[in-house]
Amino acid sequence: MNRICSAVFLSCCLSFVFGCSHSFDSLSGRTRYPLTIAETRSIIEAQMDAKKIVGLSIALIDAETASDSRLIWAQGFGLADKATGKKASAETVYCIGSSSKTITAVALL
């Protein structure tokens, strides 16, 4: 189960890297986060169906500097608690398990 969660988390991180790479329109100087959000949402939904993942929450933060950051998008997918049928939300708290290994690997890349 941890491997599946780690794989989905890595997929989401990579989709942000690739999605955000074309999120800035240099001609107009505006960000195009709706495209990044739509692409990421479709990837998450496809991976959740393919891998039978119960629930996931994600957030996109625009951080030019550590002190200047803003929340762009946050959403929950699937269920936070399968037994009770409680839906996942942007505020759902999860046990991170071995996710720090994936974060460290992405940071090193």
PDB file of N, CA and C in Angstrom:
ATOM      1  N   MET A   1       0.829  -1.193   0.000  1.00  0.00           N
ATOM      2  CA  MET A   1       0.000   0.000   0.000  1.00  0.00           C
ATOM      3  C   MET A   1       0.872   1.256   0.000  1.00  0.00           C
ATOM      4  N   ASN A   2       1.962   1.231   0.794  1.00  0.00           N
ATOM      5  CA  ASN A   2       2.857   2.389   0.832  1.00  0.00           C
ATOM      6  C   ASN A   2       3.498   2.634  -0.522  1.00  0.00           C
ATOM      7  N   ARG A   3       3.807   1.569  -1.249  1.00  0.00           N
ATOM      8  CA  ARG A   3       4.408   1.718  -2.575  1.00  0.00           C
ATOM      9  C   ARG A   3       3.437   2.384  -3.539  1.00  0.00           C
ATOM     10  N   ILE A   4       2.174   2.004  -3.450  1.00  0.00           N
ATOM     11  CA  ILE A   4       1.162   2.597  -4.320  1.00  0.00           C
ATOM     12  C   ILE A   4       0.998   4.072  -3.993  1.00  0.00           C
ATOM     13  N   CYS A   5       0.904   4.385  -2.726  1.00  0.00           N
ATOM     14  CA  CYS A   5       0.764   5.793  -2.316  1.00  0.00           C
ATOM     15  C   CYS A   5       1.986   6.600  -2.743  1.00  0.00           C
ATOM     16  N   SER A   6       3.150   6.025  -2.586  1.00  0.00           N
ATOM     17  CA  SER A   6       4.372   6.714  -2.989  1.00  0.00           C
ATOM     18  C   SER A   6       4.409   6.926  -4.495  1.00  0.00           C
ATOM     19  N   ALA A   7       3.954   5.937  -5.248  1.00  0.00           N
ATOM     20  CA  ALA A   7       3.938   6.060  -6.707  1.00  0.00           C
ATOM     21  C   ALA A   7       2.989   7.159  -7.150  1.00  0.00           C
ATOM     22  N   VAL A   8       1.820   7.227  -6.529  1.00  0.00           N
ATOM     23  CA  VAL A   8       0.863   8.277  -6.875  1.00  0.00           C
ATOM     24  C   VAL A   8       1.413   9.641  -6.481  1.00  0.00           C
ATOM     25  N   PHE A   9       1.999   9.722  -5.308  1.00  0.00           N
ATOM     26  CA  PHE A   9       2.559  10.988  -4.856  1.00  0.00           C
ATOM     27  C   PHE A   9       3.657  11.455  -5.801  1.00  0.00           C
ATOM     28  N   LEU A  10       4.522  10.545  -6.208  1.00  0.00           N
ATOM     29  CA  LEU A  10       5.582  10.881  -7.148  1.00  0.00           C
ATOM     30  C   LEU A  10       4.995  11.313  -8.484  1.00  0.00           C
ATOM     31  N   SER A  11       3.967  10.626  -8.942  1.00  0.00           N
ATOM     32  CA  SER A  11       3.316  11.006 -10.199  1.00  0.00           C
ATOM     33  C   SER A  11       2.751  12.416 -10.116  1.00  0.00           C
ATOM     34  N   CYS A  12       2.146  12.726  -8.982  1.00  0.00           N
ATOM     35  CA  CYS A  12       1.591  14.072  -8.800  1.00  0.00           C
ATOM     36  C   CYS A  12       2.693  15.121  -8.774  1.00  0.00           C
ATOM     37  N   CYS A  13       3.772  14.821  -8.073  1.00  0.00           N
ATOM     38  CA  CYS A  13       4.888  15.778  -8.028  1.00  0.00           C
ATOM     39  C   CYS A  13       5.462  16.004  -9.417  1.00  0.00           C
ATOM     40  N   LEU A  14       5.636  14.922 -10.168  1.00  0.00           N
ATOM     41  CA  LEU A  14       6.174  15.054 -11.519  1.00  0.00           C
ATOM     42  C   LEU A  14       5.217  15.797 -12.430  1.00  0.00           C
ATOM     43  N   SER A  15       3.914  15.580 -12.245  1.00  0.00           N
ATOM     44  CA  SER A  15       2.957  16.304 -13.088  1.00  0.00           C
ATOM     45  C   SER A  15       3.009  17.793 -12.791  1.00  0.00           C
ATOM     46  N   PHE A  16       3.260  18.150 -11.547  1.00  0.00           N
ATOM     47  CA  PHE A  16       3.399  19.571 -11.224  1.00  0.00           C
ATOM     48  C   PHE A  16       4.650  20.142 -11.866  1.00  0.00           C
ATOM     49  N   VAL A  17       5.725  19.383 -11.825  1.00  0.00           N
ATOM     50  CA  VAL A  17       6.970  19.863 -12.429  1.00  0.00           C
ATOM     51  C   VAL A  17       6.768  20.113 -13.910  1.00  0.00           C
ATOM     52  N   PHE A  18       6.175  19.128 -14.599  1.00  0.00           N
ATOM     53  CA  PHE A  18       5.966  19.288 -16.037  1.00  0.00           C
ATOM     54  C   PHE A  18       4.833  20.271 -16.323  1.00  0.00           C
ATOM     55  N   GLY A  19       3.788  20.229 -15.514  1.00  0.00           N
ATOM     56  CA  GLY A  19       2.660  21.134 -15.723  1.00  0.00           C
ATOM     57  C   GLY A  19       3.026  22.576 -15.465  1.00  0.00           C
ATOM     58  N   CYS A  20       3.788  22.828 -14.433  1.00  0.00           N
ATOM     59  CA  CYS A  20       4.170  24.197 -14.102  1.00  0.00           C
ATOM     60  C   CYS A  20       5.213  24.755 -15.054  1.00  0.00           C
ATOM     61  N   SER A  21       5.901  23.879 -15.766  1.00  0.00           N
ATOM     62  CA  SER A  21       6.931  24.364 -16.676  1.00  0.00           C
ATOM     63  C   SER A  21       6.339  25.184 -17.806  1.00  0.00           C
ATOM     64  N   HIS A  22       5.064  24.979 -18.122  1.00  0.00           N
ATOM     65  CA  HIS A  22       4.438  25.785 -19.164  1.00  0.00           C
ATOM     66  C   HIS A  22       3.292  26.626 -18.607  1.00  0.00           C
ATOM     67  N   SER A  23       3.338  26.909 -17.307  1.00  0.00           N
ATOM     68  CA  SER A  23       2.274  27.669 -16.671  1.00  0.00           C
ATOM     69  C   SER A  23       2.470  29.172 -16.768  1.00  0.00           C
ATOM     70  N   PHE A  24       3.631  29.607 -17.201  1.00  0.00           N
ATOM     71  CA  PHE A  24       3.889  31.034 -17.271  1.00  0.00           C
ATOM     72  C   PHE A  24       3.926  31.477 -18.723  1.00  0.00           C
ATOM     73  N   ASP A  25       3.101  32.440 -19.037  1.00  0.00           N
ATOM     74  CA  ASP A  25       3.050  32.984 -20.386  1.00  0.00           C
ATOM     75  C   ASP A  25       3.981  34.189 -20.426  1.00  0.00           C
ATOM     76  N   SER A  26       5.136  34.036 -21.043  1.00  0.00           N
ATOM     77  CA  SER A  26       6.140  35.098 -21.036  1.00  0.00           C
ATOM     78  C   SER A  26       5.699  36.318 -21.826  1.00  0.00           C
ATOM     79  N   LEU A  27       4.783  36.158 -22.765  1.00  0.00           N
ATOM     80  CA  LEU A  27       4.325  37.306 -23.555  1.00  0.00           C
ATOM     81  C   LEU A  27       3.410  38.219 -22.744  1.00  0.00           C
ATOM     82  N   SER A  28       2.478  37.625 -22.035  1.00  0.00           N
ATOM     83  CA  SER A  28       1.543  38.446 -21.264  1.00  0.00           C
ATOM     84  C   SER A  28       2.007  38.646 -19.836  1.00  0.00           C
ATOM     85  N   GLY A  29       2.946  37.808 -19.356  1.00  0.00           N
ATOM     86  CA  GLY A  29       3.432  37.930 -17.984  1.00  0.00           C
ATOM     87  C   GLY A  29       2.462  37.364 -16.966  1.00  0.00           C
ATOM     88  N   ARG A  30       1.459  36.595 -17.407  1.00  0.00           N
ATOM     89  CA  ARG A  30       0.467  36.024 -16.499  1.00  0.00           C
ATOM     90  C   ARG A  30       0.667  34.524 -16.368  1.00  0.00           C
ATOM     91  N   THR A  31       0.289  34.010 -15.228  1.00  0.00           N
ATOM     92  CA  THR A  31       0.360  32.569 -15.031  1.00  0.00           C
ATOM     93  C   THR A  31      -0.907  31.930 -15.565  1.00  0.00           C
ATOM     94  N   ARG A  32      -0.769  30.711 -16.020  1.00  0.00           N
ATOM     95  CA  ARG A  32      -1.899  29.971 -16.539  1.00  0.00           C
ATOM     96  C   ARG A  32      -2.136  28.740 -15.676  1.00  0.00           C
ATOM     97  N   TYR A  33      -2.401  28.941 -14.407  1.00  0.00           N
ATOM     98  CA  TYR A  33      -2.615  27.818 -13.505  1.00  0.00           C
ATOM     99  C   TYR A  33      -3.828  26.963 -13.871  1.00  0.00           C
ATOM    100  N   PRO A  34      -4.865  27.509 -14.463  1.00  0.00           N
ATOM    101  CA  PRO A  34      -5.995  26.643 -14.798  1.00  0.00           C
ATOM    102  C   PRO A  34      -5.594  25.448 -15.664  1.00  0.00           C
ATOM    103  N   LEU A  35      -4.664  25.616 -16.570  1.00  0.00           N
ATOM    104  CA  LEU A  35      -4.188  24.512 -17.399  1.00  0.00           C
ATOM    105  C   LEU A  35      -3.451  23.476 -16.545  1.00  0.00           C
ATOM    106  N   THR A  36      -2.596  23.940 -15.668  1.00  0.00           N
ATOM    107  CA  THR A  36      -1.863  23.035 -14.777  1.00  0.00           C
ATOM    108  C   THR A  36      -2.820  22.278 -13.870  1.00  0.00           C
ATOM    109  N   ILE A  37      -3.807  22.969 -13.332  1.00  0.00           N
ATOM    110  CA  ILE A  37      -4.791  22.349 -12.437  1.00  0.00           C
ATOM    111  C   ILE A  37      -5.599  21.304 -13.191  1.00  0.00           C
ATOM    112  N   ALA A  38      -6.065  21.637 -14.381  1.00  0.00           N
ATOM    113  CA  ALA A  38      -6.869  20.697 -15.169  1.00  0.00           C
ATOM    114  C   ALA A  38      -6.068  19.445 -15.522  1.00  0.00           C
ATOM    115  N   GLU A  39      -4.816  19.621 -15.943  1.00  0.00           N
ATOM    116  CA  GLU A  39      -3.977  18.477 -16.288  1.00  0.00           C
ATOM    117  C   GLU A  39      -3.698  17.611 -15.066  1.00  0.00           C
ATOM    118  N   THR A  40      -3.389  18.247 -13.954  1.00  0.00           N
ATOM    119  CA  THR A  40      -3.092  17.508 -12.723  1.00  0.00           C
ATOM    120  C   THR A  40      -4.323  16.773 -12.228  1.00  0.00           C
ATOM    121  N   ARG A  41      -5.477  17.428 -12.267  1.00  0.00           N
ATOM    122  CA  ARG A  41      -6.728  16.797 -11.846  1.00  0.00           C
ATOM    123  C   ARG A  41      -7.010  15.543 -12.687  1.00  0.00           C
ATOM    124  N   SER A  42      -6.833  15.636 -13.994  1.00  0.00           N
ATOM    125  CA  SER A  42      -7.107  14.475 -14.845  1.00  0.00           C
ATOM    126  C   SER A  42      -6.110  13.341 -14.582  1.00  0.00           C
ATOM    127  N   ILE A  43      -4.848  13.677 -14.332  1.00  0.00           N
ATOM    128  CA  ILE A  43      -3.848  12.655 -14.007  1.00  0.00           C
ATOM    129  C   ILE A  43      -4.201  11.964 -12.691  1.00  0.00           C
ATOM    130  N   ILE A  44      -4.573  12.740 -11.701  1.00  0.00           N
ATOM    131  CA  ILE A  44      -4.925  12.169 -10.400  1.00  0.00           C
ATOM    132  C   ILE A  44      -6.121  11.237 -10.538  1.00  0.00           C
ATOM    133  N   GLU A  45      -7.166  11.694 -11.218  1.00  0.00           N
ATOM    134  CA  GLU A  45      -8.362  10.868 -11.366  1.00  0.00           C
ATOM    135  C   GLU A  45      -8.059   9.578 -12.126  1.00  0.00           C
ATOM    136  N   ALA A  46      -7.243   9.660 -13.174  1.00  0.00           N
ATOM    137  CA  ALA A  46      -6.880   8.464 -13.941  1.00  0.00           C
ATOM    138  C   ALA A  46      -6.061   7.501 -13.096  1.00  0.00           C
ATOM    139  N   GLN A  47      -5.089   8.020 -12.340  1.00  0.00           N
ATOM    140  CA  GLN A  47      -4.244   7.165 -11.500  1.00  0.00           C
ATOM    141  C   GLN A  47      -5.041   6.547 -10.355  1.00  0.00           C
ATOM    142  N   MET A  48      -5.972   7.296  -9.796  1.00  0.00           N
ATOM    143  CA  MET A  48      -6.791   6.746  -8.718  1.00  0.00           C
ATOM    144  C   MET A  48      -7.640   5.592  -9.230  1.00  0.00           C
ATOM    145  N   ASP A  49      -8.197   5.737 -10.421  1.00  0.00           N
ATOM    146  CA  ASP A  49      -8.984   4.642 -11.008  1.00  0.00           C
ATOM    147  C   ASP A  49      -8.103   3.448 -11.343  1.00  0.00           C
ATOM    148  N   ALA A  50      -6.968   3.707 -11.967  1.00  0.00           N
ATOM    149  CA  ALA A  50      -6.082   2.624 -12.401  1.00  0.00           C
ATOM    150  C   ALA A  50      -5.467   1.870 -11.231  1.00  0.00           C
ATOM    151  N   LYS A  51      -5.100   2.574 -10.180  1.00  0.00           N
ATOM    152  CA  LYS A  51      -4.399   1.963  -9.043  1.00  0.00           C
ATOM    153  C   LYS A  51      -5.315   1.649  -7.868  1.00  0.00           C
ATOM    154  N   LYS A  52      -6.611   1.930  -8.021  1.00  0.00           N
ATOM    155  CA  LYS A  52      -7.599   1.672  -6.954  1.00  0.00           C
ATOM    156  C   LYS A  52      -7.237   2.395  -5.659  1.00  0.00           C
ATOM    157  N   ILE A  53      -6.867   3.664  -5.790  1.00  0.00           N
ATOM    158  CA  ILE A  53      -6.501   4.471  -4.623  1.00  0.00           C
ATOM    159  C   ILE A  53      -7.766   5.036  -3.995  1.00  0.00           C
ATOM    160  N   VAL A  54      -7.866   4.931  -2.694  1.00  0.00           N
ATOM    161  CA  VAL A  54      -9.084   5.319  -1.979  1.00  0.00           C
ATOM    162  C   VAL A  54      -9.220   6.834  -1.872  1.00  0.00           C
ATOM    163  N   GLY A  55      -8.171   7.531  -1.475  1.00  0.00           N
ATOM    164  CA  GLY A  55      -8.289   8.969  -1.275  1.00  0.00           C
ATOM    165  C   GLY A  55      -6.961   9.683  -1.352  1.00  0.00           C
ATOM    166  N   LEU A  56      -7.051  10.978  -1.665  1.00  0.00           N
ATOM    167  CA  LEU A  56      -5.855  11.786  -1.828  1.00  0.00           C
ATOM    168  C   LEU A  56      -6.248  13.248  -1.739  1.00  0.00           C
ATOM    169  N   SER A  57      -5.396  14.057  -1.167  1.00  0.00           N
ATOM    170  CA  SER A  57      -5.591  15.508  -1.142  1.00  0.00           C
ATOM    171  C   SER A  57      -4.327  16.148  -1.681  1.00  0.00           C
ATOM    172  N   ILE A  58      -4.492  17.277  -2.354  1.00  0.00           N
ATOM    173  CA  ILE A  58      -3.350  17.922  -2.997  1.00  0.00           C
ATOM    174  C   ILE A  58      -3.500  19.441  -2.906  1.00  0.00           C
ATOM    175  N   ALA A  59      -2.360  20.125  -2.953  1.00  0.00           N
ATOM    176  CA  ALA A  59      -2.368  21.589  -2.944  1.00  0.00           C
ATOM    177  C   ALA A  59      -1.294  22.096  -3.892  1.00  0.00           C
ATOM    178  N   LEU A  60      -1.593  23.183  -4.582  1.00  0.00           N
ATOM    179  CA  LEU A  60      -0.648  23.866  -5.452  1.00  0.00           C
ATOM    180  C   LEU A  60      -0.380  25.225  -4.835  1.00  0.00           C
ATOM    181  N   ILE A  61       0.891  25.491  -4.548  1.00  0.00           N
ATOM    182  CA  ILE A  61       1.283  26.742  -3.900  1.00  0.00           C
ATOM    183  C   ILE A  61       2.260  27.471  -4.793  1.00  0.00           C
ATOM    184  N   ASP A  62       2.005  28.743  -5.019  1.00  0.00           N
ATOM    185  CA  ASP A  62       2.924  29.586  -5.782  1.00  0.00           C
ATOM    186  C   ASP A  62       3.824  30.263  -4.764  1.00  0.00           C
ATOM    187  N   ALA A  63       5.107  29.923  -4.812  1.00  0.00           N
ATOM    188  CA  ALA A  63       6.055  30.453  -3.836  1.00  0.00           C
ATOM    189  C   ALA A  63       7.276  31.003  -4.558  1.00  0.00           C
ATOM    190  N   GLU A  64       7.284  32.307  -4.766  1.00  0.00           N
ATOM    191  CA  GLU A  64       8.464  32.916  -5.365  1.00  0.00           C
ATOM    192  C   GLU A  64       9.605  32.961  -4.358  1.00  0.00           C
ATOM    193  N   THR A  65       9.274  33.245  -3.126  1.00  0.00           N
ATOM    194  CA  THR A  65      10.241  33.191  -2.031  1.00  0.00           C
ATOM    195  C   THR A  65       9.568  32.490  -0.863  1.00  0.00           C
ATOM    196  N   ALA A  66      10.339  32.127   0.131  1.00  0.00           N
ATOM    197  CA  ALA A  66       9.773  31.440   1.296  1.00  0.00           C
ATOM    198  C   ALA A  66       8.755  32.305   2.028  1.00  0.00           C
ATOM    199  N   SER A  67       8.943  33.604   2.032  1.00  0.00           N
ATOM    200  CA  SER A  67       8.024  34.483   2.748  1.00  0.00           C
ATOM    201  C   SER A  67       6.859  34.950   1.882  1.00  0.00           C
ATOM    202  N   ASP A  68       6.953  34.768   0.568  1.00  0.00           N
ATOM    203  CA  ASP A  68       5.915  35.227  -0.342  1.00  0.00           C
ATOM    204  C   ASP A  68       5.319  34.028  -1.069  1.00  0.00           C
ATOM    205  N   SER A  69       4.312  33.407  -0.454  1.00  0.00           N
ATOM    206  CA  SER A  69       3.672  32.254  -1.078  1.00  0.00           C
ATOM    207  C   SER A  69       2.164  32.391  -0.956  1.00  0.00           C
ATOM    208  N   ARG A  70       1.469  31.782  -1.917  1.00  0.00           N
ATOM    209  CA  ARG A  70       0.012  31.823  -1.867  1.00  0.00           C
ATOM    210  C   ARG A  70      -0.554  30.503  -2.369  1.00  0.00           C
ATOM    211  N   LEU A  71      -1.654  30.116  -1.779  1.00  0.00           N
ATOM    212  CA  LEU A  71      -2.334  28.893  -2.163  1.00  0.00           C
ATOM    213  C   LEU A  71      -3.104  29.155  -3.457  1.00  0.00           C
ATOM    214  N   ILE A  72      -2.826  28.370  -4.478  1.00  0.00           N
ATOM    215  CA  ILE A  72      -3.490  28.502  -5.770  1.00  0.00           C
ATOM    216  C   ILE A  72      -4.679  27.555  -5.860  1.00  0.00           C
ATOM    217  N   TRP A  73      -4.472  26.321  -5.427  1.00  0.00           N
ATOM    218  CA  TRP A  73      -5.509  25.301  -5.565  1.00  0.00           C
ATOM    219  C   TRP A  73      -5.315  24.228  -4.516  1.00  0.00           C
ATOM    220  N   ALA A  74      -6.394  23.774  -3.931  1.00  0.00           N
ATOM    221  CA  ALA A  74      -6.363  22.648  -2.998  1.00  0.00           C
ATOM    222  C   ALA A  74      -7.651  21.862  -3.187  1.00  0.00           C
ATOM    223  N   GLN A  75      -7.529  20.532  -3.218  1.00  0.00           N
ATOM    224  CA  GLN A  75      -8.704  19.702  -3.456  1.00  0.00           C
ATOM    225  C   GLN A  75      -8.476  18.311  -2.896  1.00  0.00           C
ATOM    226  N   GLY A  76      -9.556  17.691  -2.456  1.00  0.00           N
ATOM    227  CA  GLY A  76      -9.528  16.307  -2.021  1.00  0.00           C
ATOM    228  C   GLY A  76     -10.177  15.427  -3.073  1.00  0.00           C
ATOM    229  N   PHE A  77      -9.685  14.227  -3.221  1.00  0.00           N
ATOM    230  CA  PHE A  77     -10.214  13.259  -4.182  1.00  0.00           C
ATOM    231  C   PHE A  77     -10.530  11.970  -3.442  1.00  0.00           C
ATOM    232  N   GLY A  78     -11.632  11.341  -3.760  1.00  0.00           N
ATOM    233  CA  GLY A  78     -11.971  10.050  -3.176  1.00  0.00           C
ATOM    234  C   GLY A  78     -12.445  10.165  -1.737  1.00  0.00           C
ATOM    235  N   LEU A  79     -12.058   9.179  -0.938  1.00  0.00           N
ATOM    236  CA  LEU A  79     -12.526   9.079   0.442  1.00  0.00           C
ATOM    237  C   LEU A  79     -11.397   9.265   1.448  1.00  0.00           C
ATOM    238  N   ALA A  80     -11.711   9.978   2.523  1.00  0.00           N
ATOM    239  CA  ALA A  80     -10.768  10.123   3.626  1.00  0.00           C
ATOM    240  C   ALA A  80     -10.841   8.899   4.535  1.00  0.00           C
ATOM    241  N   ASP A  81     -12.034   8.327   4.666  1.00  0.00           N
ATOM    242  CA  ASP A  81     -12.244   7.145   5.501  1.00  0.00           C
ATOM    243  C   ASP A  81     -13.173   6.197   4.755  1.00  0.00           C
ATOM    244  N   LYS A  82     -12.626   5.113   4.274  1.00  0.00           N
ATOM    245  CA  LYS A  82     -13.383   4.154   3.478  1.00  0.00           C
ATOM    246  C   LYS A  82     -14.493   3.497   4.292  1.00  0.00           C
ATOM    247  N   ALA A  83     -14.229   3.226   5.563  1.00  0.00           N
ATOM    248  CA  ALA A  83     -15.202   2.534   6.413  1.00  0.00           C
ATOM    249  C   ALA A  83     -16.469   3.363   6.635  1.00  0.00           C
ATOM    250  N   THR A  84     -16.304   4.669   6.819  1.00  0.00           N
ATOM    251  CA  THR A  84     -17.469   5.527   7.082  1.00  0.00           C
ATOM    252  C   THR A  84     -17.970   6.235   5.833  1.00  0.00           C
ATOM    253  N   GLY A  85     -17.211   6.190   4.756  1.00  0.00           N
ATOM    254  CA  GLY A  85     -17.611   6.859   3.522  1.00  0.00           C
ATOM    255  C   GLY A  85     -17.369   8.358   3.531  1.00  0.00           C
ATOM    256  N   LYS A  86     -16.561   8.827   4.484  1.00  0.00           N
ATOM    257  CA  LYS A  86     -16.269  10.261   4.579  1.00  0.00           C
ATOM    258  C   LYS A  86     -15.401  10.678   3.391  1.00  0.00           C
ATOM    259  N   LYS A  87     -15.816  11.739   2.700  1.00  0.00           N
ATOM    260  CA  LYS A  87     -15.083  12.219   1.533  1.00  0.00           C
ATOM    261  C   LYS A  87     -13.803  12.960   1.930  1.00  0.00           C
ATOM    262  N   ALA A  88     -12.796  12.839   1.097  1.00  0.00           N
ATOM    263  CA  ALA A  88     -11.539  13.573   1.301  1.00  0.00           C
ATOM    264  C   ALA A  88     -11.749  15.026   0.899  1.00  0.00           C
ATOM    265  N   SER A  89     -11.082  15.917   1.613  1.00  0.00           N
ATOM    266  CA  SER A  89     -11.160  17.346   1.292  1.00  0.00           C
ATOM    267  C   SER A  89      -9.746  17.918   1.293  1.00  0.00           C
ATOM    268  N   ALA A  90      -9.647  19.183   0.999  1.00  0.00           N
ATOM    269  CA  ALA A  90      -8.345  19.852   1.018  1.00  0.00           C
ATOM    270  C   ALA A  90      -7.772  19.883   2.433  1.00  0.00           C
ATOM    271  N   GLU A  91      -8.633  19.779   3.436  1.00  0.00           N
ATOM    272  CA  GLU A  91      -8.192  19.843   4.833  1.00  0.00           C
ATOM    273  C   GLU A  91      -7.954  18.481   5.466  1.00  0.00           C
ATOM    274  N   THR A  92      -8.155  17.393   4.728  1.00  0.00           N
ATOM    275  CA  THR A  92      -7.972  16.053   5.273  1.00  0.00           C
ATOM    276  C   THR A  92      -6.514  15.828   5.652  1.00  0.00           C
ATOM    277  N   VAL A  93      -6.294  15.286   6.853  1.00  0.00           N
ATOM    278  CA  VAL A  93      -4.948  14.994   7.337  1.00  0.00           C
ATOM    279  C   VAL A  93      -4.700  13.503   7.162  1.00  0.00           C
ATOM    280  N   TYR A  94      -3.546  13.163   6.582  1.00  0.00           N
ATOM    281  CA  TYR A  94      -3.176  11.776   6.340  1.00  0.00           C
ATOM    282  C   TYR A  94      -1.897  11.447   7.100  1.00  0.00           C
ATOM    283  N   CYS A  95      -1.729  10.157   7.401  1.00  0.00           N
ATOM    284  CA  CYS A  95      -0.467   9.669   7.939  1.00  0.00           C
ATOM    285  C   CYS A  95       0.523   9.640   6.787  1.00  0.00           C
ATOM    286  N   ILE A  96       1.693  10.262   6.927  1.00  0.00           N
ATOM    287  CA  ILE A  96       2.581  10.379   5.781  1.00  0.00           C
ATOM    288  C   ILE A  96       3.394   9.121   5.518  1.00  0.00           C
ATOM    289  N   GLY A  97       3.507   8.240   6.470  1.00  0.00           N
ATOM    290  CA  GLY A  97       4.227   6.991   6.237  1.00  0.00           C
ATOM    291  C   GLY A  97       5.630   7.224   5.708  1.00  0.00           C
ATOM    292  N   SER A  98       5.942   6.621   4.586  1.00  0.00           N
ATOM    293  CA  SER A  98       7.275   6.733   3.991  1.00  0.00           C
ATOM    294  C   SER A  98       7.338   7.795   2.899  1.00  0.00           C
ATOM    295  N   SER A  99       6.409   8.713   2.878  1.00  0.00           N
ATOM    296  CA  SER A  99       6.363   9.734   1.824  1.00  0.00           C
ATOM    297  C   SER A  99       7.573  10.646   1.829  1.00  0.00           C
ATOM    298  N   SER A 100       8.217  10.785   2.972  1.00  0.00           N
ATOM    299  CA  SER A 100       9.381  11.689   3.024  1.00  0.00           C
ATOM    300  C   SER A 100      10.513  11.192   2.129  1.00  0.00           C
ATOM    301  N   LYS A 101      10.576   9.890   1.889  1.00  0.00           N
ATOM    302  CA  LYS A 101      11.598   9.356   0.972  1.00  0.00           C
ATOM    303  C   LYS A 101      11.365   9.875  -0.444  1.00  0.00           C
ATOM    304  N   THR A 102      10.124   9.906  -0.860  1.00  0.00           N
ATOM    305  CA  THR A 102       9.773  10.396  -2.194  1.00  0.00           C
ATOM    306  C   THR A 102      10.066  11.891  -2.310  1.00  0.00           C
ATOM    307  N   ILE A 103       9.720  12.637  -1.285  1.00  0.00           N
ATOM    308  CA  ILE A 103       9.972  14.087  -1.288  1.00  0.00           C
ATOM    309  C   ILE A 103      11.466  14.346  -1.385  1.00  0.00           C
ATOM    310  N   THR A 104      12.250  13.602  -0.636  1.00  0.00           N
ATOM    311  CA  THR A 104      13.694  13.755  -0.668  1.00  0.00           C
ATOM    312  C   THR A 104      14.252  13.415  -2.056  1.00  0.00           C
ATOM    313  N   ALA A 105      13.736  12.347  -2.655  1.00  0.00           N
ATOM    314  CA  ALA A 105      14.202  11.956  -3.996  1.00  0.00           C
ATOM    315  C   ALA A 105      13.873  13.030  -5.023  1.00  0.00           C
ATOM    316  N   VAL A 106      12.667  13.580  -4.967  1.00  0.00           N
ATOM    317  CA  VAL A 106      12.264  14.637  -5.908  1.00  0.00           C
ATOM    318  C   VAL A 106      13.124  15.875  -5.687  1.00  0.00           C
ATOM    319  N   ALA A 107      13.395  16.203  -4.437  1.00  0.00           N
ATOM    320  CA  ALA A 107      14.230  17.375  -4.139  1.00  0.00           C
ATOM    321  C   ALA A 107      15.635  17.195  -4.692  1.00  0.00           C
ATOM    322  N   LEU A 108      16.170  15.994  -4.600  1.00  0.00           N
ATOM    323  CA  LEU A 108      17.507  15.736  -5.113  1.00  0.00           C
ATOM    324  C   LEU A 108      17.560  15.777  -6.638  1.00  0.00           C
ATOM    325  N   LEU A 109      16.469  15.416  -7.281  1.00  0.00           N
ATOM    326  CA  LEU A 109      16.426  15.460  -8.747  1.00  0.00           C
ATOM    327  C   LEU A 109      16.482  16.888  -9.209  1.00  0.00           C
TER     328      LEU A 109
END
